[in-house]
Protein backbone atom coordinates (compact mmCIF):
# COMPACT_ATOMS: atom_id res chain seq x y z
CA UNK A 1 -16.84 -24.46 -1.98
CA UNK A 2 -15.97 -27.95 -1.96
CA UNK A 3 -16.15 -28.97 -5.68
CA UNK A 4 -16.83 -26.44 -8.57
CA UNK A 5 -17.90 -26.90 -11.74
CA UNK A 6 -14.64 -25.21 -13.10
CA UNK A 7 -12.56 -27.91 -11.20
CA UNK A 8 -13.43 -30.07 -13.99
CA UNK A 9 -12.61 -28.12 -16.79
CA UNK A 10 -9.40 -28.83 -18.74
CA UNK A 11 -8.09 -25.38 -20.01
CA UNK A 12 -5.02 -24.36 -21.92
CA UNK A 13 -3.45 -22.67 -19.48
CA UNK A 14 -2.85 -25.68 -17.56
CA UNK A 15 -0.40 -26.75 -19.99
CA UNK A 16 1.78 -23.66 -20.18
CA UNK A 17 5.28 -25.34 -19.56
CA UNK A 18 6.87 -21.83 -18.86
CA UNK A 19 4.67 -22.03 -15.50
CA UNK A 20 6.87 -23.82 -12.87
CA UNK A 21 3.42 -24.88 -11.11
CA UNK A 22 2.16 -26.73 -14.17
CA UNK A 23 5.22 -28.40 -15.20
CA UNK A 24 5.31 -29.89 -11.71
CA UNK A 25 1.66 -30.76 -11.46
CA UNK A 26 2.13 -32.57 -14.68
CA UNK A 27 5.12 -34.51 -13.74
CA UNK A 28 3.88 -35.39 -10.29
CA UNK A 29 0.62 -36.99 -12.32
CA UNK A 30 3.19 -38.92 -14.85
CA UNK A 31 5.28 -40.24 -11.85
CA UNK A 32 2.20 -41.71 -10.63
CA UNK A 33 1.62 -44.02 -13.59
CA UNK A 34 4.45 -46.36 -12.93
CA UNK A 35 3.48 -47.13 -9.72
CA UNK A 36 0.17 -48.23 -10.97
CA UNK A 37 1.70 -50.20 -13.73
CA UNK A 38 4.09 -52.02 -11.55
CA UNK A 39 1.20 -53.69 -9.71
CA UNK A 40 0.38 -55.87 -12.78
CA UNK A 41 2.23 -58.36 -14.98
CA UNK A 42 0.94 -59.88 -18.31
CA UNK A 43 -0.97 -62.36 -16.47
CA UNK A 44 -2.75 -60.06 -13.90
CA UNK A 45 -1.54 -58.89 -10.67
CA UNK A 46 1.64 -59.07 -9.62
CA UNK A 47 2.29 -61.76 -7.32
CA UNK A 48 5.31 -60.14 -5.53
CA UNK A 49 3.09 -57.12 -5.09
CA UNK A 50 0.37 -58.89 -3.90
CA UNK A 51 2.66 -60.59 -1.11
CA UNK A 52 4.01 -57.06 -0.19
CA UNK A 53 0.36 -55.90 0.47
CA UNK A 54 -0.51 -59.03 2.36
CA UNK A 55 2.90 -58.45 4.73
CA UNK A 56 1.70 -54.77 5.42
CA UNK A 57 -1.76 -56.06 6.57
CA UNK A 58 -3.80 -54.91 3.68
CA UNK A 59 -6.64 -57.64 3.47
CA UNK A 60 -7.31 -59.02 1.17
CA UNK A 61 -4.55 -57.92 -0.39
CA UNK A 62 -5.78 -58.29 -4.16
CA UNK A 63 -8.50 -55.65 -3.46
CA UNK A 64 -6.00 -53.09 -1.78
CA UNK A 65 -3.79 -53.56 -4.66
CA UNK A 66 -6.61 -53.00 -7.30
CA UNK A 67 -7.84 -49.90 -5.26
CA UNK A 68 -4.26 -48.47 -4.98
CA UNK A 69 -3.44 -48.66 -8.53
CA UNK A 70 -7.30 -47.19 -9.52
CA UNK A 71 -5.97 -44.49 -6.81
CA UNK A 72 -2.66 -44.04 -8.67
CA UNK A 73 -4.26 -43.77 -12.30
CA UNK A 74 -7.02 -41.44 -11.02
CA UNK A 75 -5.08 -39.05 -9.07
CA UNK A 76 -2.10 -39.16 -11.83
CA UNK A 77 -4.75 -38.48 -14.69
CA UNK A 78 -6.27 -35.72 -12.95
CA UNK A 79 -2.63 -34.22 -12.26
CA UNK A 80 -1.78 -34.13 -15.36
CA UNK A 81 -5.00 -32.43 -16.99
CA UNK A 82 -5.00 -29.90 -14.09
CA UNK A 83 -8.72 -31.35 -13.52
CA UNK A 84 -9.83 -31.16 -9.67
CA UNK A 85 -6.21 -30.42 -9.18
CA UNK A 86 -6.35 -29.82 -5.40
CA UNK A 87 -8.23 -32.79 -4.31
CA UNK A 88 -6.14 -35.04 -6.72
CA UNK A 89 -2.95 -33.78 -5.16
CA UNK A 90 -4.28 -34.46 -1.71
CA UNK A 91 -5.66 -37.88 -2.87
CA UNK A 92 -1.95 -38.79 -4.41
CA UNK A 93 -0.19 -37.41 -1.22
CA UNK A 94 -2.50 -39.89 0.58
CA UNK A 95 -1.50 -42.74 -1.70
CA UNK A 96 2.20 -41.72 -1.23
CA UNK A 97 1.62 -41.89 2.58
CA UNK A 98 0.06 -45.29 2.60
CA UNK A 99 3.03 -46.18 0.53
CA UNK A 100 5.72 -44.97 3.33
CA UNK A 101 3.31 -46.85 5.90
CA UNK A 102 3.29 -50.28 3.91
CA UNK A 103 7.19 -50.18 3.37
CA UNK A 104 7.76 -48.76 7.20
CA UNK A 105 5.32 -52.09 8.19
CA UNK A 106 7.32 -54.40 5.80
CA UNK A 107 10.76 -53.37 5.84
CA UNK A 108 11.04 -50.77 8.88
CA UNK A 109 12.83 -47.61 8.40
CA UNK A 110 15.16 -47.54 5.46
CA UNK A 111 15.61 -43.82 3.93
CA UNK A 112 17.57 -45.01 0.57
CA UNK A 113 16.28 -46.37 -2.21
CA UNK A 114 18.68 -49.27 -2.57
CA UNK A 115 17.70 -50.21 1.07
CA UNK A 116 14.51 -50.44 0.03
CA UNK A 117 13.72 -47.03 1.69
CA UNK A 118 11.07 -44.45 1.39
CA UNK A 119 12.43 -41.32 0.26
CA UNK A 120 10.87 -41.49 -2.95
CA UNK A 121 7.52 -41.69 -1.88
CA UNK A 122 8.13 -39.14 0.94
CA UNK A 123 9.35 -36.84 -1.85
CA UNK A 124 6.41 -37.45 -4.24
CA UNK A 125 4.02 -37.28 -1.25
CA UNK A 126 5.50 -33.80 -0.35
CA UNK A 127 5.43 -32.69 -3.58
CA UNK A 128 1.77 -33.63 -4.36
CA UNK A 129 0.81 -31.85 -1.04
CA UNK A 130 2.60 -28.60 -1.70
CA UNK A 131 0.66 -28.60 -5.27
CA UNK A 132 -2.64 -28.83 -3.43
CA UNK A 133 -1.56 -26.02 -0.95
CA UNK A 134 -0.91 -23.81 -4.04
CA UNK A 135 -4.07 -24.76 -5.37
CA UNK A 136 -6.06 -24.03 -2.23
CA UNK A 137 -4.46 -20.82 -1.95
CA UNK A 138 -5.43 -19.93 -5.44
CA UNK A 139 -9.06 -20.97 -4.93
CA UNK A 140 -8.95 -18.67 -1.94
CA UNK A 141 -7.88 -15.48 -3.63
CA UNK A 142 -10.47 -15.92 -6.57
CA UNK A 143 -13.19 -16.01 -3.94
C-alpha cells in the first residue's frame, strides 16, 4: 500500500531511544533543521544562499530556496516524529542528493568539508536512505 492511515500516527514506540533505529531516525530529522534555517536571515532570505542557488542553475533561486527549506523542515519534522517515515526518509535523501548536485555544479568535486565538499550531505543522504530501506522492509514484513 502506498500510504496507510497508520503512517500518520505518532506512537510512543517511535521515541524509545534504546532502539538504535529510532535514535538514528530522530537525529537524521534533527540534522535537517539547520539546513532549512541557514537559508534565512533576520531580514528574510539569505542573499549568499540565493546567489548559490542561482549559480547552481535553480531559477528563480528564491523559489527554489523556499522549496528546499520547506522540504528540509517537512522531512525533518516527519522523521523526528516518526510519521510517514519511509517517504520522509526518501524525501530527505532526495534533498541531500540535490544539495550534492548543487555543490558539484557550483564548486566542482570536493570531498572534505573544509574545501566546501559534499561528504556531509552524502552521509546524511545515505543515512536517510538506510532509514527508508528499514521502514520499507518493516512494512513488507507486516503485510
